Amino acid sequence: TLSFRGMTLTPIDCAVLAHVIGLCDTIKHLDLENCHI
């Protein structure tokens, strides 16, 4: 699980998350609610 709920994420932050998720098959839950995306 990766949870950043309520934290402001920039487009660069989102690119980093996409990279990380792309490398790993273990991440099942991505919680990005209210991140100003």
PDB file of all heavy atoms in Angstrom:
ATOM      1  N   THR A   1       0.834  -1.203   0.000  1.00  0.00           N
ATOM      2  CA  THR A   1       0.000   0.000   0.000  1.00  0.00           C
ATOM      3  C   THR A   1       0.868   1.253   0.000  1.00  0.00           C
ATOM      4  O   THR A   1       1.814   1.369   0.778  1.00  0.00           O
ATOM      5  CB  THR A   1      -0.912   0.038   1.246  1.00  0.00           C
ATOM      6  OG1 THR A   1      -1.796  -1.088   1.218  1.00  0.00           O
ATOM      7  CG2 THR A   1      -1.739   1.314   1.272  1.00  0.00           C
ATOM      8  N   LEU A   2       0.533   2.171  -0.888  1.00  0.00           N
ATOM      9  CA  LEU A   2       1.134   3.501  -0.877  1.00  0.00           C
ATOM     10  C   LEU A   2       0.005   4.500  -0.659  1.00  0.00           C
ATOM     11  O   LEU A   2      -0.938   4.560  -1.454  1.00  0.00           O
ATOM     12  CB  LEU A   2       1.847   3.802  -2.197  1.00  0.00           C
ATOM     13  CG  LEU A   2       3.170   3.077  -2.464  1.00  0.00           C
ATOM     14  CD1 LEU A   2       3.698   3.421  -3.852  1.00  0.00           C
ATOM     15  CD2 LEU A   2       4.212   3.433  -1.404  1.00  0.00           C
ATOM     16  N   SER A   3       0.083   5.258   0.431  1.00  0.00           N
ATOM     17  CA  SER A   3      -0.966   6.220   0.751  1.00  0.00           C
ATOM     18  C   SER A   3      -0.367   7.606   0.955  1.00  0.00           C
ATOM     19  O   SER A   3       0.509   7.789   1.802  1.00  0.00           O
ATOM     20  CB  SER A   3      -1.721   5.799   2.014  1.00  0.00           C
ATOM     21  OG  SER A   3      -2.675   6.788   2.368  1.00  0.00           O
ATOM     22  N   PHE A   4      -0.852   8.555   0.149  1.00  0.00           N
ATOM     23  CA  PHE A   4      -0.457   9.954   0.300  1.00  0.00           C
ATOM     24  C   PHE A   4      -1.702  10.830   0.450  1.00  0.00           C
ATOM     25  O   PHE A   4      -1.704  12.001   0.087  1.00  0.00           O
ATOM     26  CB  PHE A   4       0.384  10.395  -0.903  1.00  0.00           C
ATOM     27  CG  PHE A   4       1.695   9.674  -0.997  1.00  0.00           C
ATOM     28  CD1 PHE A   4       1.843   8.573  -1.832  1.00  0.00           C
ATOM     29  CD2 PHE A   4       2.776  10.070  -0.236  1.00  0.00           C
ATOM     30  CE1 PHE A   4       3.049   7.892  -1.910  1.00  0.00           C
ATOM     31  CE2 PHE A   4       3.990   9.399  -0.299  1.00  0.00           C
ATOM     32  CZ  PHE A   4       4.120   8.315  -1.137  1.00  0.00           C
ATOM     33  N   ARG A   5      -2.753  10.249   0.988  1.00  0.00           N
ATOM     34  CA  ARG A   5      -4.033  10.935   1.138  1.00  0.00           C
ATOM     35  C   ARG A   5      -3.861  12.284   1.838  1.00  0.00           C
ATOM     36  O   ARG A   5      -3.247  12.388   2.902  1.00  0.00           O
ATOM     37  CB  ARG A   5      -4.981  10.055   1.947  1.00  0.00           C
ATOM     38  CG  ARG A   5      -6.362  10.663   2.188  1.00  0.00           C
ATOM     39  CD  ARG A   5      -7.186   9.763   3.102  1.00  0.00           C
ATOM     40  NE  ARG A   5      -7.525   8.509   2.438  1.00  0.00           N
ATOM     41  CZ  ARG A   5      -8.766   8.167   2.124  1.00  0.00           C
ATOM     42  NH1 ARG A   5      -9.764   8.962   2.411  1.00  0.00           N
ATOM     43  NH2 ARG A   5      -9.010   7.011   1.542  1.00  0.00           N
ATOM     44  N   GLY A   6      -4.408  13.331   1.215  1.00  0.00           N
ATOM     45  CA  GLY A   6      -4.395  14.657   1.816  1.00  0.00           C
ATOM     46  C   GLY A   6      -3.121  15.442   1.604  1.00  0.00           C
ATOM     47  O   GLY A   6      -3.011  16.588   2.056  1.00  0.00           O
ATOM     48  N   MET A   7      -2.150  14.881   0.900  1.00  0.00           N
ATOM     49  CA  MET A   7      -0.877  15.562   0.667  1.00  0.00           C
ATOM     50  C   MET A   7      -0.828  16.070  -0.765  1.00  0.00           C
ATOM     51  O   MET A   7      -1.175  15.361  -1.703  1.00  0.00           O
ATOM     52  CB  MET A   7       0.272  14.583   0.908  1.00  0.00           C
ATOM     53  CG  MET A   7       1.641  15.146   0.651  1.00  0.00           C
ATOM     54  SD  MET A   7       2.898  13.873   0.971  1.00  0.00           S
ATOM     55  CE  MET A   7       4.358  14.752   0.427  1.00  0.00           C
ATOM     56  N   THR A   8      -0.409  17.298  -0.963  1.00  0.00           N
ATOM     57  CA  THR A   8      -0.333  17.859  -2.305  1.00  0.00           C
ATOM     58  C   THR A   8       0.794  17.193  -3.092  1.00  0.00           C
ATOM     59  O   THR A   8       1.952  17.175  -2.657  1.00  0.00           O
ATOM     60  CB  THR A   8      -0.083  19.373  -2.253  1.00  0.00           C
ATOM     61  OG1 THR A   8      -1.179  20.003  -1.576  1.00  0.00           O
ATOM     62  CG2 THR A   8       0.043  19.959  -3.652  1.00  0.00           C
ATOM     63  N   LEU A   9       0.450  16.638  -4.251  1.00  0.00           N
ATOM     64  CA  LEU A   9       1.428  15.988  -5.112  1.00  0.00           C
ATOM     65  C   LEU A   9       1.580  16.766  -6.417  1.00  0.00           C
ATOM     66  O   LEU A   9       0.589  17.105  -7.065  1.00  0.00           O
ATOM     67  CB  LEU A   9       1.000  14.553  -5.430  1.00  0.00           C
ATOM     68  CG  LEU A   9       0.881  13.585  -4.251  1.00  0.00           C
ATOM     69  CD1 LEU A   9       0.408  12.226  -4.744  1.00  0.00           C
ATOM     70  CD2 LEU A   9       2.203  13.453  -3.511  1.00  0.00           C
ATOM     71  N   THR A  10       2.823  17.030  -6.797  1.00  0.00           N
ATOM     72  CA  THR A  10       3.105  17.718  -8.053  1.00  0.00           C
ATOM     73  C   THR A  10       3.141  16.705  -9.195  1.00  0.00           C
ATOM     74  O   THR A  10       3.223  15.484  -8.959  1.00  0.00           O
ATOM     75  CB  THR A  10       4.462  18.431  -7.979  1.00  0.00           C
ATOM     76  OG1 THR A  10       5.511  17.426  -7.919  1.00  0.00           O
ATOM     77  CG2 THR A  10       4.556  19.331  -6.752  1.00  0.00           C
ATOM     78  N   PRO A  11       3.110  17.176 -10.451  1.00  0.00           N
ATOM     79  CA  PRO A  11       3.252  16.244 -11.572  1.00  0.00           C
ATOM     80  C   PRO A  11       4.552  15.433 -11.507  1.00  0.00           C
ATOM     81  O   PRO A  11       4.583  14.261 -11.887  1.00  0.00           O
ATOM     82  CB  PRO A  11       3.238  17.172 -12.795  1.00  0.00           C
ATOM     83  CG  PRO A  11       2.361  18.315 -12.367  1.00  0.00           C
ATOM     84  CD  PRO A  11       2.720  18.530 -10.924  1.00  0.00           C
ATOM     85  N   ILE A  12       5.630  16.023 -10.981  1.00  0.00           N
ATOM     86  CA  ILE A  12       6.898  15.283 -10.839  1.00  0.00           C
ATOM     87  C   ILE A  12       6.724  14.160  -9.819  1.00  0.00           C
ATOM     88  O   ILE A  12       7.215  13.046 -10.006  1.00  0.00           O
ATOM     89  CB  ILE A  12       8.003  16.231 -10.355  1.00  0.00           C
ATOM     90  CG1 ILE A  12       8.167  17.287 -11.409  1.00  0.00           C
ATOM     91  CG2 ILE A  12       9.283  15.455 -10.086  1.00  0.00           C
ATOM     92  CD1 ILE A  12       9.322  17.278 -12.268  1.00  0.00           C
ATOM     93  N   ASP A  13       6.047  14.452  -8.700  1.00  0.00           N
ATOM     94  CA  ASP A  13       5.762  13.414  -7.704  1.00  0.00           C
ATOM     95  C   ASP A  13       4.987  12.267  -8.351  1.00  0.00           C
ATOM     96  O   ASP A  13       5.263  11.088  -8.093  1.00  0.00           O
ATOM     97  CB  ASP A  13       4.951  13.973  -6.535  1.00  0.00           C
ATOM     98  CG  ASP A  13       5.700  15.010  -5.720  1.00  0.00           C
ATOM     99  OD1 ASP A  13       6.941  14.936  -5.656  1.00  0.00           O
ATOM    100  OD2 ASP A  13       5.041  15.900  -5.146  1.00  0.00           O
ATOM    101  N   CYS A  14       4.025  12.621  -9.184  1.00  0.00           N
ATOM    102  CA  CYS A  14       3.206  11.596  -9.848  1.00  0.00           C
ATOM    103  C   CYS A  14       4.051  10.751 -10.800  1.00  0.00           C
ATOM    104  O   CYS A  14       3.855   9.531 -10.909  1.00  0.00           O
ATOM    105  CB  CYS A  14       2.057  12.261 -10.610  1.00  0.00           C
ATOM    106  SG  CYS A  14       0.815  13.036  -9.533  1.00  0.00           S
ATOM    107  N   ALA A  15       5.014  11.386 -11.480  1.00  0.00           N
ATOM    108  CA  ALA A  15       5.905  10.644 -12.378  1.00  0.00           C
ATOM    109  C   ALA A  15       6.755   9.656 -11.582  1.00  0.00           C
ATOM    110  O   ALA A  15       7.000   8.527 -12.021  1.00  0.00           O
ATOM    111  CB  ALA A  15       6.796  11.611 -13.146  1.00  0.00           C
ATOM    112  N   VAL A  16       7.217  10.072 -10.397  1.00  0.00           N
ATOM    113  CA  VAL A  16       8.011   9.193  -9.535  1.00  0.00           C
ATOM    114  C   VAL A  16       7.170   7.997  -9.099  1.00  0.00           C
ATOM    115  O   VAL A  16       7.625   6.842  -9.126  1.00  0.00           O
ATOM    116  CB  VAL A  16       8.533   9.966  -8.312  1.00  0.00           C
ATOM    117  CG1 VAL A  16       9.092   9.020  -7.258  1.00  0.00           C
ATOM    118  CG2 VAL A  16       9.609  10.961  -8.737  1.00  0.00           C
ATOM    119  N   LEU A  17       5.922   8.238  -8.700  1.00  0.00           N
ATOM    120  CA  LEU A  17       5.047   7.146  -8.276  1.00  0.00           C
ATOM    121  C   LEU A  17       4.793   6.169  -9.420  1.00  0.00           C
ATOM    122  O   LEU A  17       4.798   4.946  -9.215  1.00  0.00           O
ATOM    123  CB  LEU A  17       3.722   7.705  -7.764  1.00  0.00           C
ATOM    124  CG  LEU A  17       3.763   8.444  -6.429  1.00  0.00           C
ATOM    125  CD1 LEU A  17       2.394   9.012  -6.096  1.00  0.00           C
ATOM    126  CD2 LEU A  17       4.230   7.518  -5.320  1.00  0.00           C
ATOM    127  N   ALA A  18       4.578   6.690 -10.622  1.00  0.00           N
ATOM    128  CA  ALA A  18       4.343   5.822 -11.772  1.00  0.00           C
ATOM    129  C   ALA A  18       5.562   4.945 -12.038  1.00  0.00           C
ATOM    130  O   ALA A  18       5.444   3.757 -12.356  1.00  0.00           O
ATOM    131  CB  ALA A  18       4.013   6.657 -13.005  1.00  0.00           C
ATOM    132  N   HIS A  19       6.754   5.527 -11.887  1.00  0.00           N
ATOM    133  CA  HIS A  19       7.994   4.782 -12.095  1.00  0.00           C
ATOM    134  C   HIS A  19       8.110   3.646 -11.081  1.00  0.00           C
ATOM    135  O   HIS A  19       8.439   2.508 -11.438  1.00  0.00           O
ATOM    136  CB  HIS A  19       9.187   5.739 -11.964  1.00  0.00           C
ATOM    137  CG  HIS A  19      10.521   5.070 -12.042  1.00  0.00           C
ATOM    138  ND1 HIS A  19      11.093   4.681 -13.237  1.00  0.00           N
ATOM    139  CD2 HIS A  19      11.412   4.732 -11.070  1.00  0.00           C
ATOM    140  CE1 HIS A  19      12.264   4.122 -13.007  1.00  0.00           C
ATOM    141  NE2 HIS A  19      12.485   4.140 -11.701  1.00  0.00           N
ATOM    142  N   VAL A  20       7.837   3.965  -9.827  1.00  0.00           N
ATOM    143  CA  VAL A  20       7.948   2.980  -8.751  1.00  0.00           C
ATOM    144  C   VAL A  20       6.947   1.845  -8.957  1.00  0.00           C
ATOM    145  O   VAL A  20       7.289   0.659  -8.850  1.00  0.00           O
ATOM    146  CB  VAL A  20       7.722   3.661  -7.387  1.00  0.00           C
ATOM    147  CG1 VAL A  20       7.489   2.634  -6.296  1.00  0.00           C
ATOM    148  CG2 VAL A  20       8.910   4.551  -7.031  1.00  0.00           C
ATOM    149  N   ILE A  21       5.700   2.191  -9.254  1.00  0.00           N
ATOM    150  CA  ILE A  21       4.666   1.177  -9.452  1.00  0.00           C
ATOM    151  C   ILE A  21       4.997   0.306 -10.659  1.00  0.00           C
ATOM    152  O   ILE A  21       4.764  -0.905 -10.662  1.00  0.00           O
ATOM    153  CB  ILE A  21       3.287   1.845  -9.622  1.00  0.00           C
ATOM    154  CG1 ILE A  21       2.894   2.567  -8.335  1.00  0.00           C
ATOM    155  CG2 ILE A  21       2.227   0.806  -9.980  1.00  0.00           C
ATOM    156  CD1 ILE A  21       1.710   3.476  -8.494  1.00  0.00           C
ATOM    157  N   GLY A  22       5.567   0.937 -11.679  1.00  0.00           N
ATOM    158  CA  GLY A  22       5.928   0.192 -12.878  1.00  0.00           C
ATOM    159  C   GLY A  22       6.989  -0.863 -12.629  1.00  0.00           C
ATOM    160  O   GLY A  22       7.036  -1.891 -13.317  1.00  0.00           O
ATOM    161  N   LEU A  23       7.852  -0.624 -11.645  1.00  0.00           N
ATOM    162  CA  LEU A  23       8.928  -1.558 -11.335  1.00  0.00           C
ATOM    163  C   LEU A  23       8.481  -2.708 -10.442  1.00  0.00           C
ATOM    164  O   LEU A  23       9.110  -3.760 -10.435  1.00  0.00           O
ATOM    165  CB  LEU A  23      10.085  -0.829 -10.641  1.00  0.00           C
ATOM    166  CG  LEU A  23      10.894   0.154 -11.487  1.00  0.00           C
ATOM    167  CD1 LEU A  23      11.932   0.835 -10.619  1.00  0.00           C
ATOM    168  CD2 LEU A  23      11.569  -0.572 -12.649  1.00  0.00           C
ATOM    169  N   CYS A  24       7.427  -2.478  -9.674  1.00  0.00           N
ATOM    170  CA  CYS A  24       7.048  -3.443  -8.639  1.00  0.00           C
ATOM    171  C   CYS A  24       5.641  -3.989  -8.875  1.00  0.00           C
ATOM    172  O   CYS A  24       4.729  -3.247  -9.199  1.00  0.00           O
ATOM    173  CB  CYS A  24       7.118  -2.788  -7.259  1.00  0.00           C
ATOM    174  SG  CYS A  24       8.744  -2.090  -6.899  1.00  0.00           S
ATOM    175  N   ASP A  25       5.490  -5.287  -8.659  1.00  0.00           N
ATOM    176  CA  ASP A  25       4.186  -5.929  -8.805  1.00  0.00           C
ATOM    177  C   ASP A  25       3.502  -6.145  -7.458  1.00  0.00           C
ATOM    178  O   ASP A  25       2.444  -6.767  -7.391  1.00  0.00           O
ATOM    179  CB  ASP A  25       4.344  -7.281  -9.510  1.00  0.00           C
ATOM    180  CG  ASP A  25       4.784  -7.122 -10.953  1.00  0.00           C
ATOM    181  OD1 ASP A  25       4.322  -6.159 -11.602  1.00  0.00           O
ATOM    182  OD2 ASP A  25       5.593  -7.933 -11.413  1.00  0.00           O
ATOM    183  N   THR A  26       4.101  -5.645  -6.386  1.00  0.00           N
ATOM    184  CA  THR A  26       3.546  -5.892  -5.051  1.00  0.00           C
ATOM    185  C   THR A  26       2.547  -4.836  -4.614  1.00  0.00           C
ATOM    186  O   THR A  26       1.735  -5.080  -3.730  1.00  0.00           O
ATOM    187  CB  THR A  26       4.677  -5.953  -4.010  1.00  0.00           C
ATOM    188  OG1 THR A  26       5.399  -4.710  -4.026  1.00  0.00           O
ATOM    189  CG2 THR A  26       5.642  -7.089  -4.325  1.00  0.00           C
ATOM    190  N   ILE A  27       2.608  -3.643  -5.198  1.00  0.00           N
ATOM    191  CA  ILE A  27       1.765  -2.538  -4.743  1.00  0.00           C
ATOM    192  C   ILE A  27       0.332  -2.753  -5.242  1.00  0.00           C
ATOM    193  O   ILE A  27       0.049  -2.668  -6.432  1.00  0.00           O
ATOM    194  CB  ILE A  27       2.313  -1.182  -5.219  1.00  0.00           C
ATOM    195  CG1 ILE A  27       3.699  -0.963  -4.616  1.00  0.00           C
ATOM    196  CG2 ILE A  27       1.372  -0.051  -4.821  1.00  0.00           C
ATOM    197  CD1 ILE A  27       4.433   0.230  -5.167  1.00  0.00           C
ATOM    198  N   LYS A  28      -0.565  -3.021  -4.289  1.00  0.00           N
ATOM    199  CA  LYS A  28      -1.945  -3.350  -4.632  1.00  0.00           C
ATOM    200  C   LYS A  28      -2.896  -2.166  -4.439  1.00  0.00           C
ATOM    201  O   LYS A  28      -3.892  -2.053  -5.139  1.00  0.00           O
ATOM    202  CB  LYS A  28      -2.420  -4.533  -3.781  1.00  0.00           C
ATOM    203  CG  LYS A  28      -1.637  -5.816  -4.025  1.00  0.00           C
ATOM    204  CD  LYS A  28      -2.125  -6.949  -3.134  1.00  0.00           C
ATOM    205  CE  LYS A  28      -1.341  -8.228  -3.391  1.00  0.00           C
ATOM    206  NZ  LYS A  28      -1.789  -9.336  -2.502  1.00  0.00           N
ATOM    207  N   HIS A  29      -2.606  -1.316  -3.466  1.00  0.00           N
ATOM    208  CA  HIS A  29      -3.517  -0.213  -3.140  1.00  0.00           C
ATOM    209  C   HIS A  29      -2.766   1.107  -3.236  1.00  0.00           C
ATOM    210  O   HIS A  29      -1.781   1.315  -2.538  1.00  0.00           O
ATOM    211  CB  HIS A  29      -4.089  -0.383  -1.738  1.00  0.00           C
ATOM    212  CG  HIS A  29      -5.090   0.672  -1.368  1.00  0.00           C
ATOM    213  ND1 HIS A  29      -5.519   0.886  -0.076  1.00  0.00           N
ATOM    214  CD2 HIS A  29      -5.740   1.585  -2.129  1.00  0.00           C
ATOM    215  CE1 HIS A  29      -6.380   1.886  -0.066  1.00  0.00           C
ATOM    216  NE2 HIS A  29      -6.529   2.322  -1.307  1.00  0.00           N
ATOM    217  N   LEU A  30      -3.245   1.983  -4.098  1.00  0.00           N
ATOM    218  CA  LEU A  30      -2.685   3.324  -4.245  1.00  0.00           C
ATOM    219  C   LEU A  30      -3.748   4.325  -3.822  1.00  0.00           C
ATOM    220  O   LEU A  30      -4.777   4.470  -4.476  1.00  0.00           O
ATOM    221  CB  LEU A  30      -2.263   3.576  -5.691  1.00  0.00           C
ATOM    222  CG  LEU A  30      -1.604   4.928  -5.982  1.00  0.00           C
ATOM    223  CD1 LEU A  30      -0.285   5.065  -5.226  1.00  0.00           C
ATOM    224  CD2 LEU A  30      -1.369   5.094  -7.487  1.00  0.00           C
ATOM    225  N   ASP A  31      -3.515   5.003  -2.701  1.00  0.00           N
ATOM    226  CA  ASP A  31      -4.479   5.953  -2.142  1.00  0.00           C
ATOM    227  C   ASP A  31      -3.962   7.373  -2.362  1.00  0.00           C
ATOM    228  O   ASP A  31      -3.043   7.827  -1.685  1.00  0.00           O
ATOM    229  CB  ASP A  31      -4.677   5.678  -0.650  1.00  0.00           C
ATOM    230  CG  ASP A  31      -5.771   6.554  -0.040  1.00  0.00           C
ATOM    231  OD1 ASP A  31      -6.281   7.463  -0.739  1.00  0.00           O
ATOM    232  OD2 ASP A  31      -6.110   6.343   1.143  1.00  0.00           O
ATOM    233  N   LEU A  32      -4.580   8.065  -3.322  1.00  0.00           N
ATOM    234  CA  LEU A  32      -4.185   9.435  -3.655  1.00  0.00           C
ATOM    235  C   LEU A  32      -5.376  10.381  -3.519  1.00  0.00           C
ATOM    236  O   LEU A  32      -5.499  11.349  -4.267  1.00  0.00           O
ATOM    237  CB  LEU A  32      -3.622   9.487  -5.080  1.00  0.00           C
ATOM    238  CG  LEU A  32      -2.415   8.586  -5.369  1.00  0.00           C
ATOM    239  CD1 LEU A  32      -1.970   8.749  -6.816  1.00  0.00           C
ATOM    240  CD2 LEU A  32      -1.262   8.889  -4.422  1.00  0.00           C
ATOM    241  N   GLU A  33      -6.250  10.102  -2.582  1.00  0.00           N
ATOM    242  CA  GLU A  33      -7.416  10.970  -2.394  1.00  0.00           C
ATOM    243  C   GLU A  33      -6.991  12.333  -1.858  1.00  0.00           C
ATOM    244  O   GLU A  33      -6.126  12.440  -0.983  1.00  0.00           O
ATOM    245  CB  GLU A  33      -8.422  10.321  -1.439  1.00  0.00           C
ATOM    246  CG  GLU A  33      -9.117   9.115  -2.037  1.00  0.00           C
ATOM    247  CD  GLU A  33     -10.507   8.892  -1.456  1.00  0.00           C
ATOM    248  OE1 GLU A  33     -10.999   9.762  -0.717  1.00  0.00           O
ATOM    249  OE2 GLU A  33     -11.105   7.850  -1.766  1.00  0.00           O
ATOM    250  N   ASN A  34      -7.612  13.366  -2.420  1.00  0.00           N
ATOM    251  CA  ASN A  34      -7.409  14.742  -1.957  1.00  0.00           C
ATOM    252  C   ASN A  34      -5.938  15.136  -1.997  1.00  0.00           C
ATOM    253  O   ASN A  34      -5.398  15.720  -1.047  1.00  0.00           O
ATOM    254  CB  ASN A  34      -7.969  14.911  -0.540  1.00  0.00           C
ATOM    255  CG  ASN A  34      -8.091  16.371  -0.136  1.00  0.00           C
ATOM    256  OD1 ASN A  34      -8.219  17.264  -0.987  1.00  0.00           O
ATOM    257  ND2 ASN A  34      -8.039  16.636   1.156  1.00  0.00           N
ATOM    258  N   CYS A  35      -5.278  14.843  -3.109  1.00  0.00           N
ATOM    259  CA  CYS A  35      -3.856  15.180  -3.284  1.00  0.00           C
ATOM    260  C   CYS A  35      -3.659  16.333  -4.263  1.00  0.00           C
ATOM    261  O   CYS A  35      -2.541  16.580  -4.716  1.00  0.00           O
ATOM    262  CB  CYS A  35      -3.080  13.958  -3.768  1.00  0.00           C
ATOM    263  SG  CYS A  35      -2.860  12.687  -2.505  1.00  0.00           S
ATOM    264  N   HIS A  36      -4.754  17.018  -4.615  1.00  0.00           N
ATOM    265  CA  HIS A  36      -4.697  18.175  -5.526  1.00  0.00           C
ATOM    266  C   HIS A  36      -4.116  17.782  -6.889  1.00  0.00           C
ATOM    267  O   HIS A  36      -3.409  18.571  -7.527  1.00  0.00           O
ATOM    268  CB  HIS A  36      -3.896  19.323  -4.906  1.00  0.00           C
ATOM    269  CG  HIS A  36      -4.422  19.775  -3.572  1.00  0.00           C
ATOM    270  ND1 HIS A  36      -5.452  20.686  -3.457  1.00  0.00           N
ATOM    271  CD2 HIS A  36      -4.083  19.423  -2.316  1.00  0.00           C
ATOM    272  CE1 HIS A  36      -5.716  20.890  -2.168  1.00  0.00           C
ATOM    273  NE2 HIS A  36      -4.902  20.131  -1.456  1.00  0.00           N
ATOM    274  N   ILE A  37      -4.416  16.566  -7.310  1.00  0.00           N
ATOM    275  CA  ILE A  37      -3.941  16.090  -8.610  1.00  0.00           C
ATOM    276  C   ILE A  37      -4.898  16.573  -9.690  1.00  0.00           C
ATOM    277  O   ILE A  37      -6.115  16.469  -9.553  1.00  0.00           O
ATOM    278  CB  ILE A  37      -3.869  14.553  -8.625  1.00  0.00           C
ATOM    279  CG1 ILE A  37      -2.856  14.068  -7.589  1.00  0.00           C
ATOM    280  CG2 ILE A  37      -3.490  14.035 -10.006  1.00  0.00           C
ATOM    281  CD1 ILE A  37      -2.863  12.568  -7.412  1.00  0.00           C
TER     282      ILE A  37
END
